[in-house]
Amino acid sequence: MKTNKDLLVKGMKSFAYTALVMFIAPVVLYQAFKNTDKPLFIPVLILGLILAGFAIYLGFRSVNIVMDAVFGKKKKS
């Protein structure tokens, strides 16, 4: 069993994007809840929720890429 280095680098880059989105999403949500009386409250809240969901998706995707790099893809029989 050999580690696929190219796939591992791709997974680490994906983890970097995940960390970035994981820090941006709470900031956007905080700004939305801080300004509930403003007219852009709903669009900023929706954007924050979308970013939070995207962070969760990226997290699972990143782990999956690294697992495939380390253990190889599962072969269908």
C-alpha atoms as a PDB file:
ATOM      1  CA  MET A   1       0.000   0.000   0.000  1.00  0.00           C
ATOM      2  CA  LYS A   2       1.563   3.230  -1.181  1.00  0.00           C
ATOM      3  CA  THR A   3       0.460   6.806  -0.536  1.00  0.00           C
ATOM      4  CA  ASN A   4      -0.612   8.773  -3.598  1.00  0.00           C
ATOM      5  CA  LYS A   5       1.349  11.988  -3.036  1.00  0.00           C
ATOM      6  CA  ASP A   6      -0.503  14.031  -5.680  1.00  0.00           C
ATOM      7  CA  LEU A   7      -3.858  13.138  -4.158  1.00  0.00           C
ATOM      8  CA  LEU A   8      -2.509  13.864  -0.675  1.00  0.00           C
ATOM      9  CA  VAL A   9      -1.403  17.352  -1.752  1.00  0.00           C
ATOM     10  CA  LYS A  10      -4.853  17.912  -3.257  1.00  0.00           C
ATOM     11  CA  GLY A  11      -6.391  16.862   0.068  1.00  0.00           C
ATOM     12  CA  MET A  12      -4.182  19.241   2.038  1.00  0.00           C
ATOM     13  CA  LYS A  13      -5.119  22.134  -0.272  1.00  0.00           C
ATOM     14  CA  SER A  14      -8.747  21.204   0.232  1.00  0.00           C
ATOM     15  CA  PHE A  15      -8.198  21.293   4.015  1.00  0.00           C
ATOM     16  CA  ALA A  16      -6.760  24.803   3.645  1.00  0.00           C
ATOM     17  CA  TYR A  17      -9.882  25.969   1.778  1.00  0.00           C
ATOM     18  CA  THR A  18     -12.020  24.257   4.404  1.00  0.00           C
ATOM     19  CA  ALA A  19     -10.266  26.092   7.235  1.00  0.00           C
ATOM     20  CA  LEU A  20     -10.703  29.392   5.415  1.00  0.00           C
ATOM     21  CA  VAL A  21     -14.439  28.875   4.953  1.00  0.00           C
ATOM     22  CA  MET A  22     -14.753  27.612   8.540  1.00  0.00           C
ATOM     23  CA  PHE A  23     -13.444  30.983   9.774  1.00  0.00           C
ATOM     24  CA  ILE A  24     -15.399  33.130   7.312  1.00  0.00           C
ATOM     25  CA  ALA A  25     -18.836  31.544   7.897  1.00  0.00           C
ATOM     26  CA  PRO A  26     -19.100  32.360  11.641  1.00  0.00           C
ATOM     27  CA  VAL A  27     -17.932  35.929  11.008  1.00  0.00           C
ATOM     28  CA  VAL A  28     -20.653  36.420   8.396  1.00  0.00           C
ATOM     29  CA  LEU A  29     -23.270  34.870  10.704  1.00  0.00           C
ATOM     30  CA  TYR A  30     -22.115  37.080  13.576  1.00  0.00           C
ATOM     31  CA  GLN A  31     -22.432  40.171  11.411  1.00  0.00           C
ATOM     32  CA  ALA A  32     -25.931  39.102  10.372  1.00  0.00           C
ATOM     33  CA  PHE A  33     -27.125  38.605  13.949  1.00  0.00           C
ATOM     34  CA  LYS A  34     -25.448  41.811  15.084  1.00  0.00           C
ATOM     35  CA  ASN A  35     -27.425  43.844  12.522  1.00  0.00           C
ATOM     36  CA  THR A  36     -30.928  42.359  12.777  1.00  0.00           C
ATOM     37  CA  ASP A  37     -32.601  45.736  12.246  1.00  0.00           C
ATOM     38  CA  LYS A  38     -30.828  46.418   8.924  1.00  0.00           C
ATOM     39  CA  PRO A  39     -32.452  45.683   5.538  1.00  0.00           C
ATOM     40  CA  LEU A  40     -29.668  43.264   4.485  1.00  0.00           C
ATOM     41  CA  PHE A  41     -30.141  41.012   7.524  1.00  0.00           C
ATOM     42  CA  ILE A  42     -31.856  38.184   5.619  1.00  0.00           C
ATOM     43  CA  PRO A  43     -29.424  38.056   2.634  1.00  0.00           C
ATOM     44  CA  VAL A  44     -26.373  38.114   4.936  1.00  0.00           C
ATOM     45  CA  LEU A  45     -27.929  35.440   7.153  1.00  0.00           C
ATOM     46  CA  ILE A  46     -28.632  33.243   4.127  1.00  0.00           C
ATOM     47  CA  LEU A  47     -25.071  33.762   2.875  1.00  0.00           C
ATOM     48  CA  GLY A  48     -23.687  32.787   6.283  1.00  0.00           C
ATOM     49  CA  LEU A  49     -25.805  29.638   6.426  1.00  0.00           C
ATOM     50  CA  ILE A  50     -24.737  28.662   2.903  1.00  0.00           C
ATOM     51  CA  LEU A  51     -21.088  29.200   3.833  1.00  0.00           C
ATOM     52  CA  ALA A  52     -21.531  27.102   6.989  1.00  0.00           C
ATOM     53  CA  GLY A  53     -23.070  24.263   4.984  1.00  0.00           C
ATOM     54  CA  PHE A  54     -20.309  24.568   2.400  1.00  0.00           C
ATOM     55  CA  ALA A  55     -17.688  24.326   5.170  1.00  0.00           C
ATOM     56  CA  ILE A  56     -19.236  21.079   6.384  1.00  0.00           C
ATOM     57  CA  TYR A  57     -19.295  19.700   2.834  1.00  0.00           C
ATOM     58  CA  LEU A  58     -15.665  20.700   2.247  1.00  0.00           C
ATOM     59  CA  GLY A  59     -14.646  19.061   5.521  1.00  0.00           C
ATOM     60  CA  PHE A  60     -16.124  15.711   4.547  1.00  0.00           C
ATOM     61  CA  ARG A  61     -14.724  16.015   1.018  1.00  0.00           C
ATOM     62  CA  SER A  62     -11.235  16.823   2.333  1.00  0.00           C
ATOM     63  CA  VAL A  63     -11.220  13.849   4.673  1.00  0.00           C
ATOM     64  CA  ASN A  64     -12.410  11.611   1.847  1.00  0.00           C
ATOM     65  CA  ILE A  65      -9.618  12.807  -0.467  1.00  0.00           C
ATOM     66  CA  VAL A  66      -6.938  12.220   2.176  1.00  0.00           C
ATOM     67  CA  MET A  67      -8.365   8.775   3.000  1.00  0.00           C
ATOM     68  CA  ASP A  68      -8.263   7.857  -0.691  1.00  0.00           C
ATOM     69  CA  ALA A  69      -4.660   9.081  -0.906  1.00  0.00           C
ATOM     70  CA  VAL A  70      -3.507   7.070   2.095  1.00  0.00           C
ATOM     71  CA  PHE A  71      -5.541   3.880   1.757  1.00  0.00           C
ATOM     72  CA  GLY A  72      -6.398   3.864  -1.964  1.00  0.00           C
ATOM     73  CA  LYS A  73      -9.784   3.845  -3.608  1.00  0.00           C
ATOM     74  CA  LYS A  74     -12.170   1.014  -2.892  1.00  0.00           C
ATOM     75  CA  LYS A  75     -12.414  -1.369  -5.809  1.00  0.00           C
ATOM     76  CA  LYS A  76     -15.900  -2.386  -6.860  1.00  0.00           C
ATOM     77  CA  SER A  77     -16.286  -6.124  -7.325  1.00  0.00           C
END
